[in-house]
Protein backbone atom coordinates (compact mmCIF):
# COMPACT_ATOMS: atom_id res chain seq x y z
CA MET A 1 118.66 134.17 81.84
CA LYS A 2 121.85 132.28 81.01
CA VAL A 3 122.09 128.50 82.57
CA THR A 4 125.42 127.61 83.85
CA ARG A 5 126.63 124.32 85.41
CA ARG A 6 126.73 125.92 88.48
CA THR A 7 122.89 126.04 88.47
CA ALA A 8 122.05 123.60 91.32
CA LEU A 9 120.20 125.14 94.23
CA ARG A 10 119.88 123.36 97.38
CA SER A 11 116.24 122.55 98.10
CA THR A 12 114.40 121.31 101.17
CA LEU A 13 111.28 120.34 99.43
CA GLY A 14 110.11 116.88 98.67
CA PRO A 15 106.66 115.17 97.28
CA ALA A 16 103.59 115.06 99.38
CA PHE A 17 104.30 111.52 99.92
CA ALA A 18 106.79 110.81 102.38
CA ALA A 19 106.62 106.99 103.23
CA GLY A 20 105.19 107.63 106.92
CA LEU A 21 107.80 110.20 107.69
CA PRO A 22 107.06 113.64 108.93
CA LEU A 23 107.82 116.24 106.49
CA PRO A 24 107.27 119.98 106.25
CA ALA A 25 104.15 121.34 103.98
CA LEU A 26 104.70 121.85 100.47
CA SER A 27 103.49 124.98 98.60
CA ALA A 28 101.77 124.51 95.55
CA GLY A 29 103.39 124.20 92.54
CA ALA A 30 106.86 124.21 93.97
CA ALA A 31 108.47 121.36 92.51
CA PRO A 32 109.78 121.77 89.16
CA GLU A 33 108.27 119.41 86.12
CA TRP A 34 109.77 116.75 83.87
CA LYS A 35 109.35 116.82 80.17
CA ARG A 36 107.23 113.98 79.00
CA GLY A 37 108.34 111.49 76.34
CA LEU A 38 107.10 108.04 75.12
CA ASP A 39 103.64 106.81 76.50
CA ASN A 40 104.03 110.33 78.69
CA GLN A 41 106.92 108.95 80.76
CA ARG A 42 109.08 111.29 82.44
CA LYS A 43 112.57 112.08 81.07
CA ALA A 44 115.55 114.13 82.13
CA ASP A 45 115.90 116.38 79.36
CA LEU A 46 114.07 119.55 79.68
CA GLY A 47 114.64 120.72 76.10
CA ASP A 48 116.33 124.09 77.19
CA GLY A 49 119.74 123.09 77.94
CA ARG A 50 118.98 121.82 81.24
CA PHE A 51 117.89 118.19 82.83
CA LEU A 52 116.09 117.21 85.85
CA ASN A 53 116.80 114.12 87.66
CA PRO A 54 116.17 111.10 87.56
CA LEU A 55 118.44 110.32 84.76
CA MET A 56 116.94 107.04 84.40
CA ALA A 57 113.75 106.76 86.11
CA GLY A 58 112.71 103.64 87.85
CA ASP A 59 114.80 100.88 89.04
CA HIS A 60 118.35 101.33 87.51
CA PRO A 61 120.53 100.83 90.60
CA ASP A 62 124.40 100.47 90.77
CA PRO A 63 124.99 102.22 87.55
CA SER A 64 128.28 101.23 85.78
CA ILE A 65 129.16 103.77 82.64
CA LEU A 66 131.66 103.65 80.33
CA LYS A 67 133.07 106.48 77.98
CA ASP A 68 134.31 105.03 74.59
CA GLY A 69 135.12 107.69 72.24
CA ARG A 70 132.02 109.99 71.93
CA ASP A 71 129.80 107.11 72.85
CA TYR A 72 128.73 106.42 76.59
CA TYR A 73 127.33 102.90 77.79
CA MET A 74 125.97 102.02 80.98
CA THR A 75 124.02 99.08 82.61
CA PHE A 76 122.62 98.28 86.04
CA SER A 77 121.86 95.65 88.42
CA THR A 78 119.05 93.50 87.14
CA PHE A 79 118.66 90.95 89.89
CA ASP A 80 116.26 88.17 89.28
CA SER A 81 114.97 89.56 86.03
CA TYR A 82 115.88 88.06 82.72
CA PRO A 83 117.30 88.58 80.09
CA GLY A 84 119.14 90.84 81.98
CA LEU A 85 122.18 93.41 82.13
CA ILE A 86 120.35 95.63 79.49
CA LEU A 87 122.83 97.91 77.89
CA TRP A 88 122.08 101.58 77.12
CA HIS A 89 123.65 104.04 74.65
CA SER A 90 124.06 107.89 74.94
CA ARG A 91 126.11 110.57 73.24
CA ASP A 92 125.33 113.41 75.55
CA LEU A 93 124.94 111.64 78.98
CA VAL A 94 121.31 112.77 79.32
CA ASN A 95 119.32 110.92 76.57
CA TRP A 96 119.74 107.22 76.44
CA GLN A 97 118.68 104.44 74.30
CA PRO A 98 118.61 100.78 75.10
CA ILE A 99 120.70 98.44 73.04
CA GLY A 100 119.67 95.11 74.31
CA PRO A 101 120.53 92.61 77.32
CA ALA A 102 123.98 91.05 77.57
CA LEU A 103 122.76 88.20 79.91
CA SER A 104 120.05 85.59 78.97
CA ARG A 105 120.92 82.52 81.13
CA ASN A 106 119.97 82.62 84.57
CA ILE A 107 123.01 82.63 86.56
CA GLY A 108 121.48 83.83 89.84
CA SER A 109 120.49 87.27 91.19
CA VAL A 110 122.91 89.95 89.51
CA TRP A 111 124.22 92.73 91.93
CA ALA A 112 126.44 95.73 90.70
CA PRO A 113 128.07 94.68 87.67
CA GLU A 114 131.08 96.49 86.07
CA LEU A 115 131.31 97.16 82.37
CA CYS A 116 134.56 98.09 80.98
CA LYS A 117 136.80 97.97 77.90
CA HIS A 118 140.25 97.02 77.66
CA LYS A 119 142.34 96.55 74.68
CA GLY A 120 139.30 96.83 72.28
CA ARG A 121 137.27 94.21 73.99
CA PHE A 122 134.31 94.81 76.39
CA TYR A 123 133.69 93.06 79.69
CA LEU A 124 130.93 92.59 82.10
CA TYR A 125 131.99 91.51 85.56
CA ILE A 126 128.84 90.23 87.18
CA PRO A 127 128.25 89.47 90.79
CA VAL A 128 125.58 86.89 91.67
CA LYS A 129 123.79 85.85 94.65
CA ALA A 130 123.21 82.32 94.04
CA SER A 131 124.48 79.02 95.56
CA PRO A 132 127.52 79.83 96.19
CA ASN A 133 127.81 83.49 95.51
CA THR A 134 130.38 84.41 93.00
CA ILE A 135 131.61 86.68 90.31
CA HIS A 136 131.29 85.82 86.67
CA VAL A 137 132.53 87.70 83.65
CA ILE A 138 131.51 87.79 80.09
CA TRP A 139 133.03 89.44 77.12
CA ALA A 140 132.35 90.74 73.54
CA ASP A 141 134.25 92.43 70.66
CA ARG A 142 131.31 94.76 69.81
CA ILE A 143 128.87 96.37 72.61
CA GLU A 144 125.87 94.98 70.61
CA GLY A 145 127.33 91.67 71.05
CA PRO A 146 127.05 88.68 70.87
CA TRP A 147 128.21 88.44 74.35
CA SER A 148 130.25 85.24 75.62
CA GLU A 149 128.74 82.55 78.07
CA PRO A 150 129.60 83.41 81.54
CA VAL A 151 132.77 82.28 83.05
CA ASP A 152 133.02 81.98 86.67
CA LEU A 153 135.98 83.43 88.69
CA LYS A 154 135.28 81.65 91.88
CA LEU A 155 135.30 84.67 93.95
CA PRO A 156 132.70 83.65 96.95
CA ASN A 157 131.37 86.11 98.96
CA HIS A 158 132.68 89.13 97.18
CA ILE A 159 130.45 91.67 95.58
CA ASP A 160 130.59 95.09 93.62
CA PRO A 161 133.65 94.44 91.20
CA GLY A 162 135.37 97.37 89.98
CA HIS A 163 138.09 96.93 86.93
CA ALA A 164 141.44 98.85 87.03
CA VAL A 165 144.78 98.69 85.44
CA ASP A 166 147.69 99.53 87.51
CA GLU A 167 150.84 101.67 86.55
CA LYS A 168 152.78 98.40 85.13
CA GLY A 169 149.72 97.44 82.97
CA LYS A 170 148.37 94.43 85.32
CA ARG A 171 144.55 94.06 85.47
CA TRP A 172 142.78 94.07 88.76
CA LEU A 173 139.25 93.79 90.26
CA PHE A 174 138.41 95.84 93.27
CA LEU A 175 135.91 94.49 95.63
CA SER A 176 133.53 95.50 98.51
CA GLY A 177 135.39 95.87 101.64
CA GLY A 178 138.61 97.43 100.58
CA ASP A 179 140.06 94.40 98.71
CA ARG A 180 141.31 93.68 95.28
CA VAL A 181 142.03 90.42 93.12
CA PRO A 182 144.54 90.26 90.48
CA LEU A 183 143.31 89.12 87.00
CA SER A 184 144.85 87.51 84.08
CA ASP A 185 145.80 89.32 81.07
CA ASP A 186 142.53 88.25 79.24
CA GLY A 187 140.48 89.13 82.17
CA LEU A 188 138.85 85.72 82.12
CA SER A 189 140.44 84.40 85.15
CA ARG A 190 142.05 85.42 88.40
CA THR A 191 145.79 84.96 89.26
CA GLY A 192 145.59 85.36 92.87
CA GLU A 193 143.70 85.57 95.89
CA PRO A 194 141.85 88.67 97.12
CA GLU A 195 144.12 90.90 99.28
CA HIS A 196 143.18 93.80 101.43
CA VAL A 197 144.52 97.47 100.36
CA TYR A 198 142.11 100.07 101.54
CA ASP A 199 140.25 100.97 104.71
CA PRO A 200 137.70 103.38 103.89
CA TRP A 201 136.89 106.44 105.74
CA ARG A 202 134.29 106.00 108.70
CA TYR A 203 131.55 108.31 109.26
CA PRO A 204 130.52 109.47 113.07
CA ASP A 205 128.78 106.96 115.25
CA ASP A 206 125.65 109.21 115.78
CA TRP A 207 124.75 109.29 112.19
CA ASP A 208 121.74 107.14 111.29
CA VAL A 209 122.97 104.55 108.97
CA GLU A 210 122.03 100.96 107.97
CA GLY A 211 125.61 99.76 108.50
CA PHE A 212 129.14 100.38 107.34
CA SER A 213 128.96 98.16 104.34
CA PRO A 214 131.99 99.68 102.20
CA GLU A 215 130.96 98.50 98.70
CA GLY A 216 130.75 99.61 94.88
CA PRO A 217 134.41 100.58 94.52
CA LYS A 218 135.02 102.54 91.32
CA VAL A 219 138.65 103.35 90.20
CA LEU A 220 139.54 106.27 88.18
CA ARG A 221 142.93 107.43 86.85
CA HIS A 222 143.22 111.27 86.53
CA GLY A 223 145.91 113.81 86.83
CA GLY A 224 148.76 111.32 88.10
CA TYR A 225 146.38 109.79 90.79
CA TYR A 226 144.29 106.91 91.26
CA TYR A 227 140.67 107.84 92.68
CA LEU A 228 138.87 105.14 94.37
CA ILE A 229 135.23 105.92 94.97
CA THR A 230 133.01 103.85 97.52
CA ALA A 231 129.91 103.77 98.98
CA VAL A 232 129.42 103.20 102.86
CA GLY A 233 126.51 103.70 105.22
CA GLY A 234 124.30 100.84 103.82
CA THR A 235 122.34 100.74 100.50
CA ALA A 236 118.67 101.31 101.99
CA GLY A 237 117.44 101.62 105.48
CA PRO A 238 117.67 105.16 106.96
CA PRO A 239 117.48 107.80 104.03
CA THR A 240 120.63 109.46 105.54
CA GLY A 241 122.80 106.08 105.45
CA HIS A 242 123.97 105.41 102.10
CA MET A 243 126.92 107.91 101.17
CA VAL A 244 129.70 108.22 98.47
CA ILE A 245 133.37 108.62 99.77
CA ALA A 246 136.74 109.03 98.17
CA ALA A 247 140.27 108.38 98.42
CA ARG A 248 143.34 108.78 96.08
CA SER A 249 146.74 107.24 95.75
CA LYS A 250 149.80 107.18 93.32
CA SER A 251 149.35 103.56 93.33
CA LEU A 252 146.66 100.94 93.20
CA ALA A 253 148.29 99.02 96.10
CA GLY A 254 147.96 102.13 98.40
CA PRO A 255 148.60 104.07 100.42
CA TRP A 256 145.12 105.67 100.00
CA GLU A 257 144.47 109.15 101.25
CA ASP A 258 141.16 109.85 102.31
CA HIS A 259 139.23 113.12 100.45
CA PRO A 260 139.22 115.77 103.16
CA GLY A 261 135.54 116.42 102.16
CA ASN A 262 134.20 113.01 102.94
CA PRO A 263 131.22 112.22 102.55
CA ILE A 264 131.19 114.10 99.16
CA VAL A 265 127.42 112.82 98.67
CA ARG A 266 124.78 112.35 101.34
CA THR A 267 121.32 112.84 102.24
CA THR A 268 121.37 114.91 105.27
CA SER A 269 117.29 115.69 105.72
CA LEU A 270 114.26 113.64 105.38
CA ALA A 271 112.82 116.83 103.44
CA GLU A 272 115.24 116.17 100.50
CA LYS A 273 114.14 114.98 97.06
CA TRP A 274 116.59 111.95 96.80
CA TRP A 275 117.38 109.67 99.89
CA SER A 276 120.07 107.04 100.08
CA ARG A 277 122.48 108.38 97.43
CA GLY A 278 125.52 106.18 96.75
CA HIS A 279 127.47 103.78 94.48
CA ALA A 280 128.94 106.63 92.40
CA THR A 281 131.22 106.64 89.28
CA LEU A 282 133.02 109.65 87.88
CA VAL A 283 132.75 110.26 83.98
CA GLU A 284 134.06 112.80 81.59
CA GLY A 285 131.38 114.85 79.34
CA PRO A 286 131.68 115.28 75.77
CA ASP A 287 132.57 118.62 76.42
CA GLY A 288 135.32 117.97 78.99
CA SER A 289 133.19 118.49 81.92
CA TRP A 290 133.01 116.13 84.60
CA TRP A 291 130.36 114.16 85.77
CA SER A 292 129.03 111.61 88.35
CA VAL A 293 126.45 108.74 88.04
CA TYR A 294 125.11 107.15 91.16
CA HIS A 295 121.70 105.91 92.37
CA GLY A 296 118.99 107.22 95.03
CA PHE A 297 115.58 106.59 96.33
CA GLU A 298 113.18 109.08 95.07
CA ASN A 299 111.44 110.55 98.52
CA GLY A 300 108.40 108.77 99.33
CA TYR A 301 108.58 106.33 96.39
CA TRP A 302 110.78 103.37 97.58
CA THR A 303 108.49 101.25 95.14
CA LEU A 304 110.17 102.77 92.36
CA GLY A 305 113.57 101.44 93.30
CA ARG A 306 117.12 102.99 93.25
CA GLN A 307 116.87 105.51 90.22
CA THR A 308 119.97 106.96 88.29
CA LEU A 309 121.03 110.27 89.12
CA LEU A 310 123.61 112.68 87.47
CA ASP A 311 125.57 115.32 89.23
CA PRO A 312 127.98 117.62 87.97
CA VAL A 313 131.52 117.42 89.26
CA GLU A 314 134.15 120.16 89.78
CA TRP A 315 137.83 119.58 90.22
CA SER A 316 139.93 121.82 92.42
CA ALA A 317 143.59 122.80 92.05
CA ASP A 318 144.82 120.69 94.64
CA GLY A 319 143.42 117.54 92.77
CA TRP A 320 140.42 116.86 94.55
CA PHE A 321 136.68 117.06 93.40
CA ARG A 322 133.51 117.81 94.76
CA MET A 323 129.73 117.29 93.52
CA THR A 324 127.94 120.55 92.86
CA GLY A 325 124.44 119.62 92.41
CA GLY A 326 123.30 119.93 95.85
CA ASP A 327 120.08 117.62 96.42
CA LEU A 328 119.62 117.29 92.73
CA SER A 329 116.01 118.67 93.47
CA GLN A 330 116.44 121.45 90.66
CA PRO A 331 117.19 121.37 86.90
CA ILE A 332 120.85 121.34 86.24
CA ALA A 333 122.77 122.81 83.05
CA SER A 334 123.08 119.83 80.72
CA PRO A 335 126.76 118.69 79.63
CA GLY A 336 127.71 120.55 76.40
CA GLY A 337 129.19 119.14 73.23
CA GLY A 338 127.14 115.88 72.87
CA GLN A 339 124.18 114.62 70.38
CA ALA A 340 120.98 113.87 72.05
CA LEU A 341 119.47 110.64 71.04
CA PRO A 342 115.99 109.77 71.27
CA HIS A 343 115.53 108.76 74.87
CA GLY A 344 113.83 105.46 76.47
CA ILE A 345 111.52 103.01 75.09
CA ALA A 346 107.55 102.77 74.83
CA LEU A 347 105.96 100.48 77.16
CA SER A 348 103.12 100.14 75.10
CA ASP A 349 103.38 96.98 72.98
CA ASP A 350 101.32 95.88 70.11
CA PHE A 351 102.93 92.35 70.14
CA ALA A 352 104.18 92.54 66.35
CA THR A 353 107.49 91.51 67.77
CA LEU A 354 108.81 90.00 71.22
CA GLU A 355 110.87 92.33 72.97
CA LEU A 356 112.52 90.35 75.83
CA GLY A 357 114.91 92.20 77.59
CA THR A 358 114.71 95.81 76.33
CA ARG A 359 111.00 95.77 77.19
CA TRP A 360 109.78 92.57 78.96
CA ASN A 361 111.71 90.55 81.45
CA PHE A 362 110.95 87.19 83.31
CA PHE A 363 111.17 86.98 86.85
CA LYS A 364 113.37 84.02 88.09
CA PRO A 365 113.00 82.18 84.82
CA ALA A 366 113.74 78.35 84.63
CA PRO A 367 116.23 77.30 82.00
CA ASP A 368 113.35 76.58 79.58
CA GLU A 369 111.26 79.70 80.21
CA ARG A 370 111.85 81.30 76.95
CA SER A 371 109.97 78.51 75.29
CA ARG A 372 106.80 79.78 77.04
CA VAL A 373 106.23 82.89 75.28
CA ARG A 374 106.01 83.80 71.78
CA VAL A 375 104.15 86.37 69.58
CA ALA A 376 101.61 85.53 66.52
CA ASP A 377 98.89 87.82 64.93
CA ASN A 378 99.81 90.81 66.98
CA ALA A 379 99.32 88.65 70.32
CA LEU A 380 101.60 87.79 73.04
CA LEU A 381 100.97 83.92 73.82
CA LEU A 382 102.11 82.85 77.19
CA ASP A 383 101.90 79.43 78.57
CA ALA A 384 100.75 78.68 81.78
CA SER A 385 103.00 78.25 84.66
CA GLY A 386 102.35 77.37 88.23
CA MET A 387 98.96 78.21 90.04
CA ALA A 388 99.64 81.64 90.92
CA PRO A 389 101.94 84.72 90.05
CA GLY A 390 104.45 83.79 92.86
CA SER A 391 104.96 80.35 91.34
CA GLY A 392 104.87 81.13 87.36
CA ALA A 393 107.56 83.49 86.54
CA PRO A 394 105.51 86.58 85.31
CA LEU A 395 106.58 88.99 82.65
CA LEU A 396 107.62 92.39 83.86
CA LEU A 397 108.24 95.85 82.86
CA VAL A 398 110.36 98.80 84.45
CA ALA A 399 108.00 101.87 84.83
CA GLY A 400 109.57 104.84 86.46
CA ASP A 401 106.58 107.28 87.02
CA GLN A 402 105.04 107.92 90.24
CA ALA A 403 101.52 107.44 88.52
CA TYR A 404 100.60 105.30 85.55
CA ARG A 405 97.70 103.13 84.04
CA PHE A 406 98.18 100.10 81.89
CA GLU A 407 95.61 97.85 80.05
CA CYS A 408 95.44 94.93 77.94
CA ASP A 409 93.27 92.49 76.34
CA ILE A 410 93.36 89.06 77.77
CA GLU A 411 91.83 85.84 76.45
CA ILE A 412 92.48 82.40 78.36
CA GLU A 413 91.70 79.00 77.52
CA GLU A 414 90.05 76.16 79.48
CA GLY A 415 91.44 75.85 82.91
CA GLY A 416 93.61 78.92 82.58
CA VAL A 417 93.96 81.72 84.87
CA ALA A 418 95.58 85.20 83.77
CA GLY A 419 95.71 88.95 84.51
CA LEU A 420 97.78 92.13 85.38
CA LEU A 421 100.16 92.61 88.24
CA LEU A 422 102.04 94.88 90.38
CA PHE A 423 104.83 92.60 91.40
CA TYR A 424 107.75 93.34 93.63
CA ASP A 425 108.71 89.49 94.26
CA GLU A 426 107.03 86.06 94.45
CA LYS A 427 105.89 86.84 97.97
CA LEU A 428 104.87 90.58 97.74
CA TYR A 429 102.46 91.57 94.83
CA CYS A 430 99.12 92.33 94.14
CA GLY A 431 96.87 92.21 91.23
CA LEU A 432 93.69 90.89 89.47
CA GLY A 433 93.17 87.72 87.40
CA PHE A 434 90.25 85.77 86.15
CA ASP A 435 89.20 82.41 85.04
CA GLU A 436 86.22 81.14 83.32
CA THR A 437 83.89 81.84 86.06
CA ARG A 438 85.53 84.13 88.74
CA PHE A 439 87.90 86.71 89.38
CA VAL A 440 91.08 86.08 91.26
CA THR A 441 92.19 88.99 93.54
CA HIS A 442 95.93 89.29 94.92
CA GLN A 443 96.84 91.39 97.50
CA TYR A 444 100.23 91.04 99.83
CA GLY A 445 101.32 88.37 97.59
CA ILE A 446 98.35 85.99 98.43
CA GLU A 447 95.04 85.25 97.05
CA ARG A 448 92.07 87.52 98.68
CA GLY A 449 89.11 86.36 97.03
CA ARG A 450 87.29 85.24 93.91
CA PRO A 451 84.14 86.85 93.23
CA ALA A 452 82.12 86.13 90.14
CA SER A 453 83.00 87.29 86.81
CA PRO A 454 80.53 87.97 83.86
CA TYR A 455 82.98 87.84 81.04
CA GLY A 456 83.93 84.29 80.52
CA ARG A 457 87.31 83.76 78.79
CA ARG A 458 88.06 86.98 77.35
CA LEU A 459 88.14 90.68 78.58
CA ARG A 460 90.03 93.78 78.73
CA MET A 461 91.46 94.83 82.00
CA ARG A 462 93.05 98.19 83.22
CA VAL A 463 95.08 98.73 86.57
CA THR A 464 95.85 102.41 87.71
CA ASN A 465 98.64 102.99 90.20
CA ASN A 466 98.10 106.60 91.15
CA ARG A 467 100.88 107.54 93.69
CA HIS A 468 100.47 104.00 95.35
CA ILE A 469 96.62 104.22 94.94
CA VAL A 470 95.63 101.12 93.07
CA SER A 471 92.38 100.76 91.09
CA TYR A 472 91.29 98.13 88.74
CA HIS A 473 88.65 98.30 85.88
CA THR A 474 87.19 95.78 83.61
CA SER A 475 85.50 95.74 80.05
CA GLY A 476 83.70 93.30 78.05
CA ASP A 477 83.47 95.34 74.88
CA GLY A 478 87.22 96.28 74.18
CA GLY A 479 87.40 99.18 76.31
CA ALA A 480 84.38 101.12 75.04
CA THR A 481 82.92 101.04 78.56
CA TRP A 482 84.42 100.15 81.89
CA ARG A 483 83.12 98.82 85.15
CA ARG A 484 85.15 99.57 88.25
CA PHE A 485 86.46 96.28 90.12
CA ASP A 486 85.15 96.53 93.82
CA ARG A 487 88.57 96.25 95.46
CA GLY A 488 91.15 99.01 95.77
CA MET A 489 94.72 98.76 97.22
CA GLU A 490 97.57 100.82 98.74
CA VAL A 491 100.91 99.91 97.92
CA SER A 492 103.34 102.27 99.44
CA GLY A 493 104.80 99.66 101.69
CA TYR A 494 105.65 97.23 98.71
CA HIS A 495 109.43 97.97 98.65
CA HIS A 496 112.79 96.87 99.99
CA ASN A 497 112.86 98.18 103.30
CA VAL A 498 109.51 95.97 103.95
CA ARG A 499 110.70 92.96 102.05
CA GLY A 500 114.21 93.16 101.21
CA GLY A 501 115.82 92.27 97.87
CA PHE A 502 116.50 95.88 96.39
CA LEU A 503 113.57 95.33 93.80
CA MET A 504 111.00 97.75 92.69
CA LEU A 505 107.26 97.09 92.13
CA ARG A 506 106.77 96.58 88.35
CA PRO A 507 103.82 96.41 86.22
CA GLY A 508 103.30 92.72 84.59
CA LEU A 509 101.46 89.87 83.08
CA TYR A 510 100.82 86.40 84.30
CA SER A 511 99.51 83.41 82.83
CA ALA A 512 98.85 80.23 85.55
CA GLY A 513 96.87 76.88 85.65
CA ARG A 514 96.57 75.26 82.28
CA GLY A 515 96.59 76.18 78.78
CA THR A 516 97.86 79.38 77.09
CA ALA A 517 96.93 83.20 77.53
CA ARG A 518 96.68 85.64 74.81
CA PHE A 519 97.55 89.20 75.86
CA ARG A 520 96.99 91.74 72.93
CA ASP A 521 97.00 95.50 72.68
CA PHE A 522 99.05 96.41 75.85
CA ARG A 523 98.72 100.20 76.48
CA PHE A 524 100.81 101.90 79.12
CA ARG A 525 100.46 105.86 80.18
CA ALA A 526 102.11 107.71 82.72
CA LEU A 527 99.86 110.26 84.38
């Protein structure tokens, strides 16, 4: 059977877990299966000329994508994780490899960056939630870096920049709410104040949304028009809220004509596979086809954060476009003409080298946090910080599967406490740690008990997150035999709609109290 780009069937099926919302029963074996890659992690490329969303599993929200010749580059919001703004590279839009982080110094919580290239130089415009909120810019002559130090554009209370160049060659940043601000020729300062140029299309009052919140403006010049693609309806909240709208104009100054099909992407049923879909950018594929990347929550898995999705785009004779992937629950024919690179990164780590940014990130690091961590003799040495995970900047991974297991050998010094975590933020996490005589149980972001431990200063620990059901096992003989720890947990509520923050539940390591913890032979496997 020949697969075409129009192979995008509408589906009303979702996974068995639905975060407490009533859904129709599923028939066995109805959902398509992902291909498996490094550490058995799911990947989009099915190996038969098709792909299955998500494009980037796990927390990869607010995608900003750049086509540069035959190369594609993409980055995402990294919020309070540092090193941050991980850059990814592809040559076929489906398979992606990490290049590395562009931002090392903590300048605040990074929301919805913009990656662009102008006159041979790469730029990243970085909105941050800090004191005060503002937008920074960094630049590099090569995508691999080095990247400059951040420059503050002094744009308080504006988010989601979208870079554009007008018909006279003038550079602008479009901002949330329908505003824009002029930039200098070098893009490193603004030359005026924000001005309002666009009133976004508004949805009917009886739709269930989080709020109007026009955001994520992305500008494309195509066929004599500027196209402005925007998200409205709120990023989270009701699954039917977040949506994609579009408008076009002959000039960046307007007037803007609303797309007659608005909204062009929206979740309309709780039974759909992907919820709260929005924040879209259009990009041309290697074969001249058109595509859109945007984010969405996986039905029943708010804990995985907003994942990046790929949707085929079709242009019509009247100069408008539409998305043709339906609810993205079924395989879609891949873009042609590209080169498939090895996808993703292994999360297992033998600690031969230290990979901060591409694999591990600190959560809300202090300026000197980098000095806490190093590798030696195939061990990660993590100096203690704080008295609990919430006060000590743990090291975290992005794991994008619905079920997974990770384990590690852990050794502590006198006065130390260390362990493994599932971490949302400093006030919402769970996990298991130990000191010289007792275990330390963490749940709901607080300590829940200190039962006796027979292991002394060294043990091997395993955490299993099986579709939100969490169990812990410990071993004193390097994993030859395991003992189940007598505390199970359920974590489906560890997500943004409960806690806020737009984050995900992430596996991690922590070291608290005194001394240095040694982590060896970290092993991850998706289930």
